[in-house]
């Protein structure tokens, strides 16, 4: 029996809540068991992928370096909303990993390929 495919959508900035860390943890754990996983980043969720995050002053763990492990856990290349990046003045070169950059109008078709969708 194969596991259902899972899309994980991150909509929140990285350090104000635990949502981003929890989404990443879910992806890594699910990938460990061979589940087909893709992370999606939209809205303030794109901030999670910024390079060089400085979290010492706020007493939070910088988990952005963990995104580099997604390949090791067979998690698909993340999908990032191009409109969210543009609205926040973020270039793709500022991201800590390579991503599948997609405009929001393509998201519905992409998400239709998944059995389950979880939003953080």
PDB file of N, CA and C in Angstrom:
ATOM      1  N   UNK A   1       0.840  -1.169   0.000  1.00  0.00           N
ATOM      2  CA  UNK A   1       0.000   0.000   0.000  1.00  0.00           C
ATOM      3  C   UNK A   1       0.890   1.239   0.000  1.00  0.00           C
ATOM      4  N   UNK A   2       0.667   2.131  -0.938  1.00  0.00           N
ATOM      5  CA  UNK A   2       1.472   3.342  -0.980  1.00  0.00           C
ATOM      6  C   UNK A   2       0.824   4.442  -0.142  1.00  0.00           C
ATOM      7  N   UNK A   3       1.662   5.312   0.349  1.00  0.00           N
ATOM      8  CA  UNK A   3       1.183   6.432   1.160  1.00  0.00           C
ATOM      9  C   UNK A   3       0.625   7.520   0.255  1.00  0.00           C
ATOM     10  N   UNK A   4      -0.370   8.272   0.726  1.00  0.00           N
ATOM     11  CA  UNK A   4      -0.913   9.361  -0.093  1.00  0.00           C
ATOM     12  C   UNK A   4       0.114  10.472  -0.270  1.00  0.00           C
ATOM     13  N   UNK A   5       0.067  11.127  -1.422  1.00  0.00           N
ATOM     14  CA  UNK A   5       0.966  12.262  -1.649  1.00  0.00           C
ATOM     15  C   UNK A   5       0.496  13.438  -0.805  1.00  0.00           C
ATOM     16  N   UNK A   6       1.461  14.270  -0.398  1.00  0.00           N
ATOM     17  CA  UNK A   6       1.162  15.342   0.545  1.00  0.00           C
ATOM     18  C   UNK A   6       1.761  16.664   0.081  1.00  0.00           C
ATOM     19  N   UNK A   7       0.925  17.689   0.001  1.00  0.00           N
ATOM     20  CA  UNK A   7       1.375  19.059  -0.243  1.00  0.00           C
ATOM     21  C   UNK A   7       1.304  19.791   1.085  1.00  0.00           C
ATOM     22  N   UNK A   8       2.389  20.470   1.435  1.00  0.00           N
ATOM     23  CA  UNK A   8       2.445  21.245   2.674  1.00  0.00           C
ATOM     24  C   UNK A   8       2.619  22.707   2.281  1.00  0.00           C
ATOM     25  N   UNK A   9       1.645  23.522   2.647  1.00  0.00           N
ATOM     26  CA  UNK A   9       1.664  24.938   2.285  1.00  0.00           C
ATOM     27  C   UNK A   9       2.073  25.768   3.500  1.00  0.00           C
ATOM     28  N   UNK A  10       3.124  26.557   3.344  1.00  0.00           N
ATOM     29  CA  UNK A  10       3.588  27.464   4.404  1.00  0.00           C
ATOM     30  C   UNK A  10       3.206  28.889   4.034  1.00  0.00           C
ATOM     31  N   UNK A  11       2.459  29.539   4.939  1.00  0.00           N
ATOM     32  CA  UNK A  11       1.964  30.885   4.685  1.00  0.00           C
ATOM     33  C   UNK A  11       2.491  31.914   5.684  1.00  0.00           C
ATOM     34  N   UNK A  12       3.225  31.485   6.690  1.00  0.00           N
ATOM     35  CA  UNK A  12       3.622  32.378   7.784  1.00  0.00           C
ATOM     36  C   UNK A  12       5.124  32.659   7.775  1.00  0.00           C
ATOM     37  N   UNK A  13       5.468  33.844   8.275  1.00  0.00           N
ATOM     38  CA  UNK A  13       6.879  34.207   8.440  1.00  0.00           C
ATOM     39  C   UNK A  13       7.546  33.208   9.382  1.00  0.00           C
ATOM     40  N   UNK A  14       8.854  33.069   9.311  1.00  0.00           N
ATOM     41  CA  UNK A  14       9.525  31.976   9.991  1.00  0.00           C
ATOM     42  C   UNK A  14       9.586  32.004  11.512  1.00  0.00           C
ATOM     43  N   UNK A  15       9.649  33.131  12.149  1.00  0.00           N
ATOM     44  CA  UNK A  15      10.000  33.090  13.562  1.00  0.00           C
ATOM     45  C   UNK A  15       8.963  33.657  14.515  1.00  0.00           C
ATOM     46  N   UNK A  16       7.832  34.138  14.021  1.00  0.00           N
ATOM     47  CA  UNK A  16       6.792  34.660  14.902  1.00  0.00           C
ATOM     48  C   UNK A  16       5.973  33.557  15.535  1.00  0.00           C
ATOM     49  N   UNK A  17       5.907  32.406  14.857  1.00  0.00           N
ATOM     50  CA  UNK A  17       5.189  31.237  15.353  1.00  0.00           C
ATOM     51  C   UNK A  17       6.036  30.005  15.042  1.00  0.00           C
ATOM     52  N   UNK A  18       5.560  28.862  15.454  1.00  0.00           N
ATOM     53  CA  UNK A  18       6.259  27.608  15.160  1.00  0.00           C
ATOM     54  C   UNK A  18       5.763  26.976  13.858  1.00  0.00           C
ATOM     55  N   UNK A  19       4.873  27.640  13.128  1.00  0.00           N
ATOM     56  CA  UNK A  19       4.284  27.048  11.930  1.00  0.00           C
ATOM     57  C   UNK A  19       5.329  26.597  10.907  1.00  0.00           C
ATOM     58  N   UNK A  20       6.303  27.440  10.634  1.00  0.00           N
ATOM     59  CA  UNK A  20       7.313  27.104   9.634  1.00  0.00           C
ATOM     60  C   UNK A  20       8.136  25.895  10.033  1.00  0.00           C
ATOM     61  N   UNK A  21       8.574  25.857  11.268  1.00  0.00           N
ATOM     62  CA  UNK A  21       9.355  24.723  11.765  1.00  0.00           C
ATOM     63  C   UNK A  21       8.524  23.440  11.730  1.00  0.00           C
ATOM     64  N   UNK A  22       7.253  23.544  12.111  1.00  0.00           N
ATOM     65  CA  UNK A  22       6.379  22.373  12.113  1.00  0.00           C
ATOM     66  C   UNK A  22       6.136  21.856  10.694  1.00  0.00           C
ATOM     67  N   UNK A  23       5.975  22.749   9.737  1.00  0.00           N
ATOM     68  CA  UNK A  23       5.793  22.341   8.340  1.00  0.00           C
ATOM     69  C   UNK A  23       7.036  21.608   7.836  1.00  0.00           C
ATOM     70  N   UNK A  24       8.203  22.152   8.135  1.00  0.00           N
ATOM     71  CA  UNK A  24       9.457  21.512   7.722  1.00  0.00           C
ATOM     72  C   UNK A  24       9.623  20.156   8.395  1.00  0.00           C
ATOM     73  N   UNK A  25       9.332  20.080   9.679  1.00  0.00           N
ATOM     74  CA  UNK A  25       9.428  18.803  10.401  1.00  0.00           C
ATOM     75  C   UNK A  25       8.501  17.754   9.791  1.00  0.00           C
ATOM     76  N   UNK A  26       7.266  18.155   9.471  1.00  0.00           N
ATOM     77  CA  UNK A  26       6.322  17.227   8.852  1.00  0.00           C
ATOM     78  C   UNK A  26       6.858  16.717   7.521  1.00  0.00           C
ATOM     79  N   UNK A  27       7.429  17.609   6.727  1.00  0.00           N
ATOM     80  CA  UNK A  27       7.986  17.201   5.436  1.00  0.00           C
ATOM     81  C   UNK A  27       9.120  16.195   5.609  1.00  0.00           C
ATOM     82  N   UNK A  28      10.013  16.462   6.548  1.00  0.00           N
ATOM     83  CA  UNK A  28      11.156  15.569   6.756  1.00  0.00           C
ATOM     84  C   UNK A  28      10.725  14.208   7.304  1.00  0.00           C
ATOM     85  N   UNK A  29       9.815  14.216   8.254  1.00  0.00           N
ATOM     86  CA  UNK A  29       9.342  12.940   8.821  1.00  0.00           C
ATOM     87  C   UNK A  29       8.591  12.136   7.769  1.00  0.00           C
ATOM     88  N   UNK A  30       7.724  12.785   7.023  1.00  0.00           N
ATOM     89  CA  UNK A  30       6.956  12.083   5.986  1.00  0.00           C
ATOM     90  C   UNK A  30       7.872  11.562   4.888  1.00  0.00           C
ATOM     91  N   UNK A  31       8.867  12.351   4.520  1.00  0.00           N
ATOM     92  CA  UNK A  31       9.834  11.907   3.529  1.00  0.00           C
ATOM     93  C   UNK A  31      10.624  10.697   3.981  1.00  0.00           C
ATOM     94  N   UNK A  32      10.870  10.601   5.279  1.00  0.00           N
ATOM     95  CA  UNK A  32      11.591   9.456   5.841  1.00  0.00           C
ATOM     96  C   UNK A  32      10.863   8.145   5.552  1.00  0.00           C
ATOM     97  N   UNK A  33       9.540   8.214   5.510  1.00  0.00           N
ATOM     98  CA  UNK A  33       8.734   7.022   5.282  1.00  0.00           C
ATOM     99  C   UNK A  33       8.374   6.825   3.808  1.00  0.00           C
ATOM    100  N   UNK A  34       8.999   7.588   2.932  1.00  0.00           N
ATOM    101  CA  UNK A  34       8.811   7.404   1.506  1.00  0.00           C
ATOM    102  C   UNK A  34       7.561   8.044   0.938  1.00  0.00           C
ATOM    103  N   UNK A  35       6.937   8.916   1.694  1.00  0.00           N
ATOM    104  CA  UNK A  35       5.746   9.601   1.211  1.00  0.00           C
ATOM    105  C   UNK A  35       6.147  10.686   0.216  1.00  0.00           C
ATOM    106  N   UNK A  36       5.384  10.846  -0.847  1.00  0.00           N
ATOM    107  CA  UNK A  36       5.645  11.901  -1.841  1.00  0.00           C
ATOM    108  C   UNK A  36       5.233  13.243  -1.242  1.00  0.00           C
ATOM    109  N   UNK A  37       6.206  14.144  -1.060  1.00  0.00           N
ATOM    110  CA  UNK A  37       5.994  15.415  -0.366  1.00  0.00           C
ATOM    111  C   UNK A  37       6.486  16.567  -1.233  1.00  0.00           C
ATOM    112  N   UNK A  38       5.726  17.660  -1.212  1.00  0.00           N
ATOM    113  CA  UNK A  38       6.196  18.910  -1.790  1.00  0.00           C
ATOM    114  C   UNK A  38       5.801  20.039  -0.856  1.00  0.00           C
ATOM    115  N   UNK A  39       6.750  20.909  -0.558  1.00  0.00           N
ATOM    116  CA  UNK A  39       6.485  22.115   0.227  1.00  0.00           C
ATOM    117  C   UNK A  39       6.136  23.253  -0.723  1.00  0.00           C
ATOM    118  N   UNK A  40       5.140  24.033  -0.352  1.00  0.00           N
ATOM    119  CA  UNK A  40       4.716  25.206  -1.110  1.00  0.00           C
ATOM    120  C   UNK A  40       4.854  26.424  -0.204  1.00  0.00           C
ATOM    121  N   UNK A  41       5.365  27.526  -0.738  1.00  0.00           N
ATOM    122  CA  UNK A  41       5.559  28.757   0.043  1.00  0.00           C
ATOM    123  C   UNK A  41       4.826  29.899  -0.642  1.00  0.00           C
ATOM    124  N   UNK A  42       3.962  30.549   0.115  1.00  0.00           N
ATOM    125  CA  UNK A  42       3.165  31.651  -0.405  1.00  0.00           C
ATOM    126  C   UNK A  42       3.019  32.704   0.684  1.00  0.00           C
ATOM    127  N   UNK A  43       2.747  33.942   0.299  1.00  0.00           N
ATOM    128  CA  UNK A  43       2.583  35.012   1.285  1.00  0.00           C
ATOM    129  C   UNK A  43       3.864  35.193   2.079  1.00  0.00           C
ATOM    130  N   UNK A  44       3.715  35.459   3.376  1.00  0.00           N
ATOM    131  CA  UNK A  44       4.888  35.651   4.234  1.00  0.00           C
ATOM    132  C   UNK A  44       5.704  34.371   4.408  1.00  0.00           C
ATOM    133  N   UNK A  45       5.177  33.244   3.975  1.00  0.00           N
ATOM    134  CA  UNK A  45       5.925  31.990   4.044  1.00  0.00           C
ATOM    135  C   UNK A  45       7.219  32.018   3.249  1.00  0.00           C
ATOM    136  N   UNK A  46       7.295  32.882   2.230  1.00  0.00           N
ATOM    137  CA  UNK A  46       8.516  32.954   1.428  1.00  0.00           C
ATOM    138  C   UNK A  46       9.703  33.444   2.260  1.00  0.00           C
ATOM    139  N   UNK A  47       9.442  34.173   3.343  1.00  0.00           N
ATOM    140  CA  UNK A  47      10.533  34.641   4.208  1.00  0.00           C
ATOM    141  C   UNK A  47      11.293  33.476   4.845  1.00  0.00           C
ATOM    142  N   UNK A  48      10.666  32.324   4.959  1.00  0.00           N
ATOM    143  CA  UNK A  48      11.337  31.169   5.546  1.00  0.00           C
ATOM    144  C   UNK A  48      12.553  30.737   4.739  1.00  0.00           C
ATOM    145  N   UNK A  49      12.542  31.036   3.469  1.00  0.00           N
ATOM    146  CA  UNK A  49      13.603  30.571   2.572  1.00  0.00           C
ATOM    147  C   UNK A  49      14.733  31.565   2.372  1.00  0.00           C
ATOM    148  N   UNK A  50      14.702  32.688   3.075  1.00  0.00           N
ATOM    149  CA  UNK A  50      15.764  33.678   2.922  1.00  0.00           C
ATOM    150  C   UNK A  50      17.086  33.175   3.486  1.00  0.00           C
ATOM    151  N   UNK A  51      18.164  33.496   2.801  1.00  0.00           N
ATOM    152  CA  UNK A  51      19.508  33.186   3.282  1.00  0.00           C
ATOM    153  C   UNK A  51      19.876  34.102   4.445  1.00  0.00           C
ATOM    154  N   UNK A  52      20.844  33.689   5.222  1.00  0.00           N
ATOM    155  CA  UNK A  52      21.484  34.521   6.243  1.00  0.00           C
ATOM    156  C   UNK A  52      20.524  35.068   7.299  1.00  0.00           C
ATOM    157  N   UNK A  53      19.626  34.258   7.768  1.00  0.00           N
ATOM    158  CA  UNK A  53      18.710  34.704   8.814  1.00  0.00           C
ATOM    159  C   UNK A  53      19.469  34.792  10.138  1.00  0.00           C
ATOM    160  N   UNK A  54      19.276  35.886  10.833  1.00  0.00           N
ATOM    161  CA  UNK A  54      19.932  36.128  12.126  1.00  0.00           C
ATOM    162  C   UNK A  54      18.876  36.013  13.225  1.00  0.00           C
ATOM    163  N   UNK A  55      18.903  34.932  13.971  1.00  0.00           N
ATOM    164  CA  UNK A  55      17.850  34.693  14.957  1.00  0.00           C
ATOM    165  C   UNK A  55      18.333  34.772  16.404  1.00  0.00           C
ATOM    166  N   UNK A  56      19.602  35.019  16.611  1.00  0.00           N
ATOM    167  CA  UNK A  56      20.154  35.055  17.972  1.00  0.00           C
ATOM    168  C   UNK A  56      19.456  36.089  18.854  1.00  0.00           C
ATOM    169  N   UNK A  57      19.185  37.251  18.299  1.00  0.00           N
ATOM    170  CA  UNK A  57      18.600  38.348  19.081  1.00  0.00           C
ATOM    171  C   UNK A  57      17.177  38.040  19.554  1.00  0.00           C
ATOM    172  N   UNK A  58      16.471  37.168  18.848  1.00  0.00           N
ATOM    173  CA  UNK A  58      15.096  36.858  19.244  1.00  0.00           C
ATOM    174  C   UNK A  58      14.978  35.520  19.972  1.00  0.00           C
ATOM    175  N   UNK A  59      16.097  34.862  20.167  1.00  0.00           N
ATOM    176  CA  UNK A  59      16.111  33.612  20.924  1.00  0.00           C
ATOM    177  C   UNK A  59      15.421  32.454  20.226  1.00  0.00           C
ATOM    178  N   UNK A  60      15.425  32.442  18.897  1.00  0.00           N
ATOM    179  CA  UNK A  60      14.811  31.363  18.131  1.00  0.00           C
ATOM    180  C   UNK A  60      15.882  30.615  17.348  1.00  0.00           C
ATOM    181  N   UNK A  61      15.602  29.352  17.074  1.00  0.00           N
ATOM    182  CA  UNK A  61      16.511  28.535  16.288  1.00  0.00           C
ATOM    183  C   UNK A  61      16.371  28.895  14.808  1.00  0.00           C
ATOM    184  N   UNK A  62      17.479  29.040  14.115  1.00  0.00           N
ATOM    185  CA  UNK A  62      17.474  29.291  12.680  1.00  0.00           C
ATOM    186  C   UNK A  62      17.382  27.945  11.966  1.00  0.00           C
ATOM    187  N   UNK A  63      16.185  27.574  11.596  1.00  0.00           N
ATOM    188  CA  UNK A  63      15.991  26.283  10.944  1.00  0.00           C
ATOM    189  C   UNK A  63      16.132  26.347   9.420  1.00  0.00           C
ATOM    190  N   UNK A  64      16.399  27.531   8.869  1.00  0.00           N
ATOM    191  CA  UNK A  64      16.468  27.659   7.410  1.00  0.00           C
ATOM    192  C   UNK A  64      17.566  26.786   6.802  1.00  0.00           C
ATOM    193  N   UNK A  65      18.607  26.509   7.558  1.00  0.00           N
ATOM    194  CA  UNK A  65      19.685  25.650   7.046  1.00  0.00           C
ATOM    195  C   UNK A  65      19.207  24.219   6.823  1.00  0.00           C
ATOM    196  N   UNK A  66      18.144  23.827   7.506  1.00  0.00           N
ATOM    197  CA  UNK A  66      17.609  22.472   7.391  1.00  0.00           C
ATOM    198  C   UNK A  66      16.953  22.239   6.034  1.00  0.00           C
ATOM    199  N   UNK A  67      16.554  23.294   5.340  1.00  0.00           N
ATOM    200  CA  UNK A  67      15.954  23.119   4.019  1.00  0.00           C
ATOM    201  C   UNK A  67      16.903  22.421   3.056  1.00  0.00           C
ATOM    202  N   UNK A  68      18.193  22.550   3.271  1.00  0.00           N
ATOM    203  CA  UNK A  68      19.180  21.879   2.413  1.00  0.00           C
ATOM    204  C   UNK A  68      19.066  20.362   2.506  1.00  0.00           C
ATOM    205  N   UNK A  69      18.453  19.840   3.563  1.00  0.00           N
ATOM    206  CA  UNK A  69      18.314  18.396   3.756  1.00  0.00           C
ATOM    207  C   UNK A  69      17.117  17.809   3.014  1.00  0.00           C
ATOM    208  N   UNK A  70      16.297  18.623   2.396  1.00  0.00           N
ATOM    209  CA  UNK A  70      15.091  18.109   1.740  1.00  0.00           C
ATOM    210  C   UNK A  70      15.411  17.046   0.699  1.00  0.00           C
ATOM    211  N   UNK A  71      16.458  17.255  -0.091  1.00  0.00           N
ATOM    212  CA  UNK A  71      16.851  16.258  -1.101  1.00  0.00           C
ATOM    213  C   UNK A  71      17.180  14.919  -0.458  1.00  0.00           C
ATOM    214  N   UNK A  72      17.872  14.947   0.658  1.00  0.00           N
ATOM    215  CA  UNK A  72      18.265  13.728   1.368  1.00  0.00           C
ATOM    216  C   UNK A  72      17.035  12.920   1.786  1.00  0.00           C
ATOM    217  N   UNK A  73      15.936  13.596   2.096  1.00  0.00           N
ATOM    218  CA  UNK A  73      14.696  12.950   2.526  1.00  0.00           C
ATOM    219  C   UNK A  73      13.726  12.730   1.359  1.00  0.00           C
ATOM    220  N   UNK A  74      14.210  12.904   0.139  1.00  0.00           N
ATOM    221  CA  UNK A  74      13.414  12.717  -1.077  1.00  0.00           C
ATOM    222  C   UNK A  74      12.169  13.599  -1.123  1.00  0.00           C
ATOM    223  N   UNK A  75      12.274  14.793  -0.552  1.00  0.00           N
ATOM    224  CA  UNK A  75      11.196  15.775  -0.643  1.00  0.00           C
ATOM    225  C   UNK A  75      11.415  16.557  -1.931  1.00  0.00           C
ATOM    226  N   UNK A  76      10.357  16.698  -2.722  1.00  0.00           N
ATOM    227  CA  UNK A  76      10.455  17.392  -4.007  1.00  0.00           C
ATOM    228  C   UNK A  76      10.923  18.832  -3.835  1.00  0.00           C
ATOM    229  N   UNK A  77      11.439  19.375  -4.921  1.00  0.00           N
ATOM    230  CA  UNK A  77      11.865  20.779  -4.909  1.00  0.00           C
ATOM    231  C   UNK A  77      10.685  21.664  -4.497  1.00  0.00           C
ATOM    232  N   UNK A  78      10.884  22.563  -3.547  1.00  0.00           N
ATOM    233  CA  UNK A  78       9.795  23.415  -3.080  1.00  0.00           C
ATOM    234  C   UNK A  78       9.234  24.304  -4.196  1.00  0.00           C
ATOM    235  N   UNK A  79       7.950  24.593  -4.093  1.00  0.00           N
ATOM    236  CA  UNK A  79       7.282  25.492  -5.017  1.00  0.00           C
ATOM    237  C   UNK A  79       7.110  26.828  -4.304  1.00  0.00           C
ATOM    238  N   UNK A  80       7.540  27.904  -4.945  1.00  0.00           N
ATOM    239  CA  UNK A  80       7.480  29.235  -4.344  1.00  0.00           C
ATOM    240  C   UNK A  80       6.669  30.149  -5.246  1.00  0.00           C
ATOM    241  N   UNK A  81       5.781  30.907  -4.640  1.00  0.00           N
ATOM    242  CA  UNK A  81       4.915  31.832  -5.365  1.00  0.00           C
ATOM    243  C   UNK A  81       5.716  33.052  -5.832  1.00  0.00           C
ATOM    244  N   UNK A  82       5.783  33.248  -7.143  1.00  0.00           N
ATOM    245  CA  UNK A  82       6.535  34.373  -7.700  1.00  0.00           C
ATOM    246  C   UNK A  82       5.918  35.712  -7.313  1.00  0.00           C
ATOM    247  N   UNK A  83       4.607  35.759  -7.217  1.00  0.00           N
ATOM    248  CA  UNK A  83       3.943  37.009  -6.836  1.00  0.00           C
ATOM    249  C   UNK A  83       4.272  37.388  -5.391  1.00  0.00           C
ATOM    250  N   UNK A  84       4.333  36.399  -4.516  1.00  0.00           N
ATOM    251  CA  UNK A  84       4.693  36.667  -3.116  1.00  0.00           C
ATOM    252  C   UNK A  84       6.114  37.199  -3.014  1.00  0.00           C
ATOM    253  N   UNK A  85       7.024  36.625  -3.806  1.00  0.00           N
ATOM    254  CA  UNK A  85       8.400  37.122  -3.819  1.00  0.00           C
ATOM    255  C   UNK A  85       8.434  38.572  -4.297  1.00  0.00           C
ATOM    256  N   UNK A  86       7.754  38.851  -5.404  1.00  0.00           N
ATOM    257  CA  UNK A  86       7.765  40.194  -5.985  1.00  0.00           C
ATOM    258  C   UNK A  86       7.157  41.223  -5.029  1.00  0.00           C
ATOM    259  N   UNK A  87       6.069  40.881  -4.376  1.00  0.00           N
ATOM    260  CA  UNK A  87       5.419  41.806  -3.450  1.00  0.00           C
ATOM    261  C   UNK A  87       6.329  42.170  -2.275  1.00  0.00           C
ATOM    262  N   UNK A  88       7.251  41.282  -1.930  1.00  0.00           N
ATOM    263  CA  UNK A  88       8.143  41.490  -0.796  1.00  0.00           C
ATOM    264  C   UNK A  88       9.541  41.935  -1.226  1.00  0.00           C
ATOM    265  N   UNK A  89       9.739  42.136  -2.519  1.00  0.00           N
ATOM    266  CA  UNK A  89      11.028  42.591  -3.027  1.00  0.00           C
ATOM    267  C   UNK A  89      12.131  41.557  -2.869  1.00  0.00           C
ATOM    268  N   UNK A  90      11.780  40.282  -2.954  1.00  0.00           N
ATOM    269  CA  UNK A  90      12.748  39.196  -2.775  1.00  0.00           C
ATOM    270  C   UNK A  90      13.071  38.586  -4.135  1.00  0.00           C
ATOM    271  N   UNK A  91      14.356  38.456  -4.417  1.00  0.00           N
ATOM    272  CA  UNK A  91      14.767  37.800  -5.662  1.00  0.00           C
ATOM    273  C   UNK A  91      15.006  36.322  -5.396  1.00  0.00           C
ATOM    274  N   UNK A  92      14.942  35.529  -6.440  1.00  0.00           N
ATOM    275  CA  UNK A  92      15.178  34.089  -6.287  1.00  0.00           C
ATOM    276  C   UNK A  92      16.615  33.810  -5.828  1.00  0.00           C
ATOM    277  N   UNK A  93      17.545  34.727  -6.116  1.00  0.00           N
ATOM    278  CA  UNK A  93      18.930  34.553  -5.685  1.00  0.00           C
ATOM    279  C   UNK A  93      19.082  34.701  -4.168  1.00  0.00           C
ATOM    280  N   UNK A  94      18.086  35.275  -3.507  1.00  0.00           N
ATOM    281  CA  UNK A  94      18.126  35.464  -2.054  1.00  0.00           C
ATOM    282  C   UNK A  94      17.651  34.238  -1.285  1.00  0.00           C
ATOM    283  N   UNK A  95      17.167  33.226  -2.002  1.00  0.00           N
ATOM    284  CA  UNK A  95      16.639  32.037  -1.339  1.00  0.00           C
ATOM    285  C   UNK A  95      17.765  31.086  -0.946  1.00  0.00           C
ATOM    286  N   UNK A  96      17.571  30.364   0.129  1.00  0.00           N
ATOM    287  CA  UNK A  96      18.610  29.469   0.657  1.00  0.00           C
ATOM    288  C   UNK A  96      18.693  28.150  -0.096  1.00  0.00           C
ATOM    289  N   UNK A  97      17.691  27.841  -0.913  1.00  0.00           N
ATOM    290  CA  UNK A  97      17.698  26.627  -1.729  1.00  0.00           C
ATOM    291  C   UNK A  97      17.102  26.940  -3.088  1.00  0.00           C
ATOM    292  N   UNK A  98      17.315  26.028  -4.051  1.00  0.00           N
ATOM    293  CA  UNK A  98      16.677  26.176  -5.352  1.00  0.00           C
ATOM    294  C   UNK A  98      15.210  25.836  -5.207  1.00  0.00           C
ATOM    295  N   UNK A  99      14.375  26.551  -5.943  1.00  0.00           N
ATOM    296  CA  UNK A  99      12.935  26.340  -5.838  1.00  0.00           C
ATOM    297  C   UNK A  99      12.294  26.366  -7.214  1.00  0.00           C
ATOM    298  N   UNK A 100      11.132  25.764  -7.279  1.00  0.00           N
ATOM    299  CA  UNK A 100      10.297  25.789  -8.466  1.00  0.00           C
ATOM    300  C   UNK A 100       9.426  27.039  -8.359  1.00  0.00           C
ATOM    301  N   UNK A 101       9.786  28.085  -9.068  1.00  0.00           N
ATOM    302  CA  UNK A 101       9.078  29.364  -8.986  1.00  0.00           C
ATOM    303  C   UNK A 101       7.851  29.320  -9.887  1.00  0.00           C
ATOM    304  N   UNK A 102       6.684  29.552  -9.293  1.00  0.00           N
ATOM    305  CA  UNK A 102       5.429  29.462 -10.034  1.00  0.00           C
ATOM    306  C   UNK A 102       4.513  30.635  -9.695  1.00  0.00           C
ATOM    307  N   UNK A 103       3.836  31.196 -10.708  1.00  0.00           N
ATOM    308  CA  UNK A 103       2.844  32.238 -10.429  1.00  0.00           C
ATOM    309  C   UNK A 103       1.623  31.602  -9.752  1.00  0.00           C
ATOM    310  N   UNK A 104       0.853  32.389  -9.010  1.00  0.00           N
ATOM    311  CA  UNK A 104      -0.278  31.830  -8.263  1.00  0.00           C
ATOM    312  C   UNK A 104      -1.318  31.144  -9.148  1.00  0.00           C
ATOM    313  N   UNK A 105      -1.447  31.580 -10.388  1.00  0.00           N
ATOM    314  CA  UNK A 105      -2.452  30.958 -11.264  1.00  0.00           C
ATOM    315  C   UNK A 105      -2.112  29.508 -11.618  1.00  0.00           C
ATOM    316  N   UNK A 106      -0.863  29.083 -11.411  1.00  0.00           N
ATOM    317  CA  UNK A 106      -0.472  27.694 -11.668  1.00  0.00           C
ATOM    318  C   UNK A 106      -0.658  26.791 -10.447  1.00  0.00           C
ATOM    319  N   UNK A 107      -0.878  27.386  -9.293  1.00  0.00           N
ATOM    320  CA  UNK A 107      -0.922  26.594  -8.066  1.00  0.00           C
ATOM    321  C   UNK A 107      -2.059  25.593  -8.030  1.00  0.00           C
ATOM    322  N   UNK A 108      -3.227  25.970  -8.484  1.00  0.00           N
ATOM    323  CA  UNK A 108      -4.371  25.055  -8.430  1.00  0.00           C
ATOM    324  C   UNK A 108      -4.060  23.758  -9.174  1.00  0.00           C
ATOM    325  N   UNK A 109      -3.506  23.872 -10.367  1.00  0.00           N
ATOM    326  CA  UNK A 109      -3.161  22.685 -11.152  1.00  0.00           C
ATOM    327  C   UNK A 109      -2.114  21.835 -10.431  1.00  0.00           C
ATOM    328  N   UNK A 110      -1.129  22.486  -9.833  1.00  0.00           N
ATOM    329  CA  UNK A 110      -0.101  21.746  -9.097  1.00  0.00           C
ATOM    330  C   UNK A 110      -0.687  21.034  -7.889  1.00  0.00           C
ATOM    331  N   UNK A 111      -1.517  21.730  -7.124  1.00  0.00           N
ATOM    332  CA  UNK A 111      -2.089  21.152  -5.906  1.00  0.00           C
ATOM    333  C   UNK A 111      -3.092  20.041  -6.198  1.00  0.00           C
ATOM    334  N   UNK A 112      -3.695  20.065  -7.382  1.00  0.00           N
ATOM    335  CA  UNK A 112      -4.637  19.004  -7.757  1.00  0.00           C
ATOM    336  C   UNK A 112      -3.959  17.642  -7.885  1.00  0.00           C
ATOM    337  N   UNK A 113      -2.629  17.625  -7.961  1.00  0.00           N
ATOM    338  CA  UNK A 113      -1.888  16.370  -8.093  1.00  0.00           C
ATOM    339  C   UNK A 113      -1.663  15.662  -6.762  1.00  0.00           C
ATOM    340  N   UNK A 114      -2.116  16.261  -5.649  1.00  0.00           N
ATOM    341  CA  UNK A 114      -1.852  15.701  -4.327  1.00  0.00           C
ATOM    342  C   UNK A 114      -3.110  15.104  -3.713  1.00  0.00           C
ATOM    343  N   UNK A 115      -2.908  14.032  -2.953  1.00  0.00           N
ATOM    344  CA  UNK A 115      -4.024  13.399  -2.252  1.00  0.00           C
ATOM    345  C   UNK A 115      -4.437  14.192  -1.027  1.00  0.00           C
ATOM    346  N   UNK A 116      -3.455  14.774  -0.342  1.00  0.00           N
ATOM    347  CA  UNK A 116      -3.725  15.527   0.872  1.00  0.00           C
ATOM    348  C   UNK A 116      -2.976  16.863   0.836  1.00  0.00           C
ATOM    349  N   UNK A 117      -3.609  17.898   1.435  1.00  0.00           N
ATOM    350  CA  UNK A 117      -3.003  19.218   1.522  1.00  0.00           C
ATOM    351  C   UNK A 117      -3.101  19.679   2.963  1.00  0.00           C
ATOM    352  N   UNK A 118      -1.971  20.109   3.517  1.00  0.00           N
ATOM    353  CA  UNK A 118      -1.916  20.625   4.874  1.00  0.00           C
ATOM    354  C   UNK A 118      -1.377  22.046   4.796  1.00  0.00           C
ATOM    355  N   UNK A 119      -2.016  22.963   5.519  1.00  0.00           N
ATOM    356  CA  UNK A 119      -1.582  24.362   5.510  1.00  0.00           C
ATOM    357  C   UNK A 119      -1.096  24.766   6.892  1.00  0.00           C
ATOM    358  N   UNK A 120       0.053  25.413   6.913  1.00  0.00           N
ATOM    359  CA  UNK A 120       0.611  25.949   8.158  1.00  0.00           C
ATOM    360  C   UNK A 120       0.670  27.457   8.053  1.00  0.00           C
TER     361      UNK A 120
END
